[in-house]
Amino acid sequence: LAVIGDTKAGVSGGTIDSAFGMLSGDAKTAASMADPYELHPKSGPPKGPDRGNLDTIFFSKELKCTVGPSLGALVNSKIVRRSNALQQNAYGDHFSYDEGEMKRNRVMGWIGLWTGKVAMAFLSMGWFRNMVQKALPAPGTAVGTIGEQGYCNLHFIGKTEPENGEASATVLGKAEMKMDPAYAGTAKMVVEAALCLALQDEELRNAGYPEGGVLTPAASMGHVLIDRFNTRDFMKFFME
């Protein structure tokens, strides 16, 4: 489970445009967005047990907070599952993934959940979507808190399967970004990933990462990229 915690970010016009592009698709597009394994390779290893993304509100004992759905999970979760498949189920044959956001409390969580459902229903109508989009930032622009004024905290909860009579183990991780994640932070991550491929190609080959294909950051750079992030001053990954 990945959970977006305390965050201060702006609104990216490019992200909005991408989201509206998905909403404007036909029934086939809608079905593909709902499929958690849409990006799973056709000749890949067996799929996990997931049948959809988080669609409820619950209390996390590990994080001691209420957690609800995250809109970004529609895309992010597919990439995580593809990463597992490209690495021949390195995360496990029964790997399951969810992504959510911290909520103030259960009441606010449920209000946000149903408000989001109603908004998505209206945005599925072209005339309403076009009207709203005109009032929002255009691609290549952003509004609100951007750059070093923003920040983001991501929490990760991993649980193993019970094995050989031993109980399931729980591990906690965290990522801290000292920039807004919606605009400047994302741009820096993309640049660092490109530099990793360009300047650390030998290290990537020695680590056994593939050199070509329709890959993901985890499958093509993995810990080499994580280590690179951890040497920069804008983002850190660590275990709690």
Protein backbone atom coordinates (compact mmCIF):
# COMPACT_ATOMS: atom_id res chain seq x y z
CA LEU A 1 0.00 0.00 0.00
CA ALA A 2 1.31 3.44 -1.00
CA VAL A 3 -0.29 6.40 0.77
CA ILE A 4 0.08 10.09 -0.08
CA GLY A 5 0.58 11.93 3.20
CA ASP A 6 1.14 15.56 4.10
CA THR A 7 1.56 17.38 0.78
CA LYS A 8 1.63 20.95 -0.49
CA ALA A 9 1.45 21.18 -4.26
CA GLY A 10 0.16 23.24 -7.14
CA VAL A 11 -2.06 22.18 -10.02
CA SER A 12 -0.39 21.12 -13.27
CA GLY A 13 -2.17 21.93 -16.51
CA GLY A 14 -0.51 18.96 -18.21
CA THR A 15 -1.85 16.53 -15.61
CA ILE A 16 -5.34 17.99 -15.96
CA ASP A 17 -5.18 17.71 -19.75
CA SER A 18 -4.10 14.06 -19.51
CA ALA A 19 -6.91 13.26 -17.08
CA PHE A 20 -9.49 14.95 -19.29
CA GLY A 21 -8.12 13.06 -22.26
CA MET A 22 -8.80 9.77 -20.49
CA LEU A 23 -12.30 10.90 -19.52
CA SER A 24 -13.11 11.79 -23.13
CA GLY A 25 -12.41 8.26 -24.36
CA ASP A 26 -14.98 5.70 -25.48
CA ALA A 27 -16.30 2.68 -23.57
CA LYS A 28 -13.19 0.67 -24.49
CA THR A 29 -10.96 3.34 -22.95
CA ALA A 30 -13.07 3.40 -19.79
CA ALA A 31 -12.81 -0.38 -19.49
CA SER A 32 -9.04 -0.30 -19.92
CA MET A 33 -8.70 2.37 -17.23
CA ALA A 34 -10.69 0.20 -14.84
CA ASP A 35 -8.51 -2.87 -15.49
CA PRO A 36 -5.66 -2.96 -12.93
CA TYR A 37 -3.67 -5.24 -15.27
CA GLU A 38 -4.17 -3.28 -18.49
CA LEU A 39 -0.37 -2.88 -18.91
CA HIS A 40 0.45 -6.49 -17.98
CA PRO A 41 2.51 -8.10 -20.79
CA LYS A 42 0.46 -10.60 -22.81
CA SER A 43 3.21 -13.19 -22.51
CA GLY A 44 4.08 -12.21 -18.94
CA PRO A 45 3.95 -14.25 -15.73
CA PRO A 46 0.67 -14.97 -13.87
CA LYS A 47 -1.30 -11.97 -12.68
CA GLY A 48 -1.87 -11.25 -9.00
CA PRO A 49 -5.17 -11.33 -7.08
CA ASP A 50 -6.09 -7.64 -7.59
CA ARG A 51 -9.46 -6.98 -9.22
CA GLY A 52 -9.56 -3.20 -8.96
CA ASN A 53 -8.23 -0.14 -7.16
CA LEU A 54 -9.04 1.08 -3.65
CA ASP A 55 -12.66 2.26 -3.53
CA THR A 56 -13.42 2.63 0.16
CA ILE A 57 -12.38 4.42 3.36
CA PHE A 58 -10.49 2.60 6.11
CA PHE A 59 -8.28 3.23 9.13
CA SER A 60 -4.63 2.23 8.79
CA LYS A 61 -3.24 0.83 12.04
CA GLU A 62 0.29 1.20 10.71
CA LEU A 63 -0.03 4.90 9.81
CA LYS A 64 -2.63 5.65 12.50
CA CYS A 65 -4.81 7.60 10.09
CA THR A 66 -7.80 7.34 7.78
CA VAL A 67 -7.00 6.39 4.17
CA GLY A 68 -9.14 6.85 1.06
CA PRO A 69 -8.79 6.42 -2.72
CA SER A 70 -6.31 8.38 -4.83
CA LEU A 71 -7.15 9.46 -8.37
CA GLY A 72 -3.54 8.86 -9.42
CA ALA A 73 -3.94 5.15 -8.70
CA LEU A 74 -5.80 4.74 -12.00
CA VAL A 75 -2.44 5.12 -13.76
CA ASN A 76 0.20 4.52 -11.10
CA SER A 77 -1.11 1.11 -10.03
CA LYS A 78 -0.89 -0.23 -13.58
CA ILE A 79 2.77 0.80 -13.81
CA VAL A 80 3.59 -0.85 -10.47
CA ARG A 81 1.99 -4.12 -11.60
CA ARG A 82 3.78 -3.95 -14.95
CA SER A 83 7.08 -3.47 -13.09
CA ASN A 84 6.44 -6.69 -11.19
CA ALA A 85 5.58 -8.58 -14.39
CA LEU A 86 8.62 -7.29 -16.31
CA GLN A 87 10.80 -8.61 -13.49
CA GLN A 88 9.10 -12.01 -13.61
CA ASN A 89 7.05 -11.36 -10.49
CA ALA A 90 10.04 -10.26 -8.42
CA TYR A 91 7.58 -8.82 -5.87
CA GLY A 92 5.81 -12.19 -5.62
CA ASP A 93 3.30 -14.27 -7.59
CA HIS A 94 0.54 -13.09 -5.26
CA PHE A 95 1.66 -9.46 -5.20
CA SER A 96 -1.20 -7.05 -4.51
CA TYR A 97 -1.04 -3.26 -4.65
CA ASP A 98 -3.24 -0.40 -3.47
CA GLU A 99 -2.71 3.35 -3.47
CA GLY A 100 -4.51 5.97 -1.43
CA GLU A 101 -4.40 9.33 0.32
CA MET A 102 -4.49 10.30 3.98
CA LYS A 103 -7.82 11.82 5.03
CA ARG A 104 -8.59 14.07 8.00
CA ASN A 105 -11.10 11.57 9.42
CA ARG A 106 -13.63 8.96 8.26
CA VAL A 107 -16.42 11.50 7.73
CA MET A 108 -14.28 13.75 5.54
CA GLY A 109 -13.00 10.66 3.76
CA TRP A 110 -16.48 9.45 2.80
CA ILE A 111 -17.54 12.96 1.78
CA GLY A 112 -14.49 13.21 -0.47
CA LEU A 113 -15.11 9.76 -1.94
CA TRP A 114 -18.70 10.47 -2.98
CA THR A 115 -17.91 14.02 -4.08
CA GLY A 116 -15.27 12.55 -6.36
CA LYS A 117 -17.73 10.01 -7.79
CA VAL A 118 -20.28 12.71 -8.54
CA ALA A 119 -17.60 14.93 -10.11
CA MET A 120 -16.40 12.06 -12.32
CA ALA A 121 -19.98 11.44 -13.46
CA PHE A 122 -20.39 15.07 -14.50
CA LEU A 123 -16.93 15.21 -16.11
CA SER A 124 -17.84 12.22 -18.27
CA MET A 125 -20.26 14.55 -20.08
CA GLY A 126 -18.42 16.39 -22.85
CA TRP A 127 -20.18 19.76 -22.53
CA PHE A 128 -19.51 19.95 -18.80
CA ARG A 129 -15.89 18.79 -19.17
CA ASN A 130 -15.18 21.40 -21.86
CA MET A 131 -16.68 24.15 -19.70
CA VAL A 132 -14.59 23.18 -16.68
CA GLN A 133 -11.37 22.75 -18.68
CA LYS A 134 -11.53 26.33 -19.94
CA ALA A 135 -11.27 27.57 -16.35
CA LEU A 136 -8.27 25.37 -15.46
CA PRO A 137 -4.53 25.75 -16.22
CA ALA A 138 -3.48 24.89 -19.77
CA PRO A 139 -0.75 22.30 -20.55
CA GLY A 140 2.68 23.75 -19.82
CA THR A 141 1.40 25.96 -17.02
CA ALA A 142 0.65 25.53 -13.33
CA VAL A 143 -1.07 27.43 -10.54
CA GLY A 144 -0.76 27.33 -6.77
CA THR A 145 2.24 26.23 -4.76
CA ILE A 146 5.05 25.14 -7.10
CA GLY A 147 8.80 24.68 -6.88
CA GLU A 148 10.62 24.66 -3.55
CA GLN A 149 7.61 26.14 -1.75
CA GLY A 150 5.89 22.76 -2.03
CA TYR A 151 6.62 19.34 -0.57
CA CYS A 152 5.29 15.78 -0.48
CA ASN A 153 5.42 12.80 1.88
CA LEU A 154 4.73 9.27 0.63
CA HIS A 155 4.26 6.32 2.98
CA PHE A 156 4.69 2.68 1.99
CA ILE A 157 3.35 -0.36 3.85
CA GLY A 158 4.58 -3.78 2.76
CA LYS A 159 3.28 -7.07 4.11
CA THR A 160 4.68 -10.52 3.40
CA GLU A 161 2.64 -13.69 3.03
CA PRO A 162 2.62 -16.13 5.97
CA GLU A 163 5.13 -18.88 5.17
CA ASN A 164 6.29 -22.09 6.86
CA GLY A 165 4.13 -21.42 9.88
CA GLU A 166 5.52 -17.91 10.36
CA ALA A 167 3.23 -14.90 10.66
CA SER A 168 3.14 -12.15 8.05
CA ALA A 169 5.78 -9.45 8.53
CA THR A 170 5.17 -5.72 8.01
CA VAL A 171 7.74 -3.20 6.77
CA LEU A 172 7.31 0.57 6.53
CA GLY A 173 9.03 2.92 4.11
CA LYS A 174 8.81 6.59 3.26
CA ALA A 175 9.74 9.05 0.53
CA GLU A 176 10.14 12.76 1.20
CA MET A 177 10.21 15.34 -1.58
CA LYS A 178 11.23 18.94 -0.87
CA MET A 179 9.45 20.28 -3.94
CA ASP A 180 5.88 20.26 -5.16
CA PRO A 181 5.18 16.80 -6.65
CA ALA A 182 2.68 17.98 -9.26
CA TYR A 183 5.05 20.11 -11.32
CA ALA A 184 8.67 20.90 -10.42
CA GLY A 185 9.25 17.71 -8.43
CA THR A 186 8.01 15.51 -11.26
CA ALA A 187 10.19 17.39 -13.76
CA LYS A 188 13.29 16.84 -11.60
CA MET A 189 12.51 13.13 -11.25
CA VAL A 190 12.23 12.79 -15.04
CA VAL A 191 15.54 14.61 -15.56
CA GLU A 192 17.31 12.47 -12.95
CA ALA A 193 15.95 9.31 -14.59
CA ALA A 194 17.26 10.47 -17.98
CA LEU A 195 20.68 11.25 -16.49
CA CYS A 196 20.71 7.84 -14.82
CA LEU A 197 20.18 6.13 -18.19
CA ALA A 198 22.75 8.35 -19.93
CA LEU A 199 25.53 8.46 -17.33
CA GLN A 200 25.14 5.21 -15.40
CA ASP A 201 24.53 2.81 -18.27
CA GLU A 202 27.46 0.57 -17.30
CA GLU A 203 26.27 0.38 -13.71
CA LEU A 204 22.78 -0.53 -14.94
CA ARG A 205 24.16 -3.30 -17.18
CA ASN A 206 26.30 -4.70 -14.36
CA ALA A 207 23.23 -4.75 -12.13
CA GLY A 208 21.39 -6.84 -14.73
CA TYR A 209 18.79 -4.31 -15.86
CA PRO A 210 17.51 -4.69 -19.45
CA GLU A 211 18.75 -2.24 -22.07
CA GLY A 212 15.62 -1.86 -24.19
CA GLY A 213 11.91 -2.40 -24.42
CA VAL A 214 8.75 -0.78 -23.11
CA LEU A 215 10.00 -0.64 -19.52
CA THR A 216 9.22 1.16 -16.28
CA PRO A 217 11.63 3.04 -14.00
CA ALA A 218 11.61 0.16 -11.49
CA ALA A 219 12.27 -2.48 -14.14
CA SER A 220 14.94 -0.51 -16.02
CA MET A 221 16.79 1.34 -13.23
CA GLY A 222 15.46 0.14 -9.88
CA HIS A 223 17.79 0.71 -6.94
CA VAL A 224 20.34 2.52 -9.11
CA LEU A 225 17.79 5.29 -9.61
CA ILE A 226 16.74 5.21 -5.94
CA ASP A 227 20.38 5.60 -4.89
CA ARG A 228 20.70 8.52 -7.30
CA PHE A 229 17.65 10.22 -5.79
CA ASN A 230 19.10 9.75 -2.31
CA THR A 231 22.27 11.63 -3.28
CA ARG A 232 20.23 14.64 -4.38
CA ASP A 233 18.81 17.26 -2.06
CA PHE A 234 15.20 17.24 -3.30
CA MET A 235 14.11 13.66 -2.57
CA LYS A 236 14.95 10.83 -0.18
CA PHE A 237 13.76 7.22 0.20
CA PHE A 238 14.25 5.39 3.47
CA MET A 239 12.91 2.64 5.75
CA GLU A 240 11.10 3.60 8.93
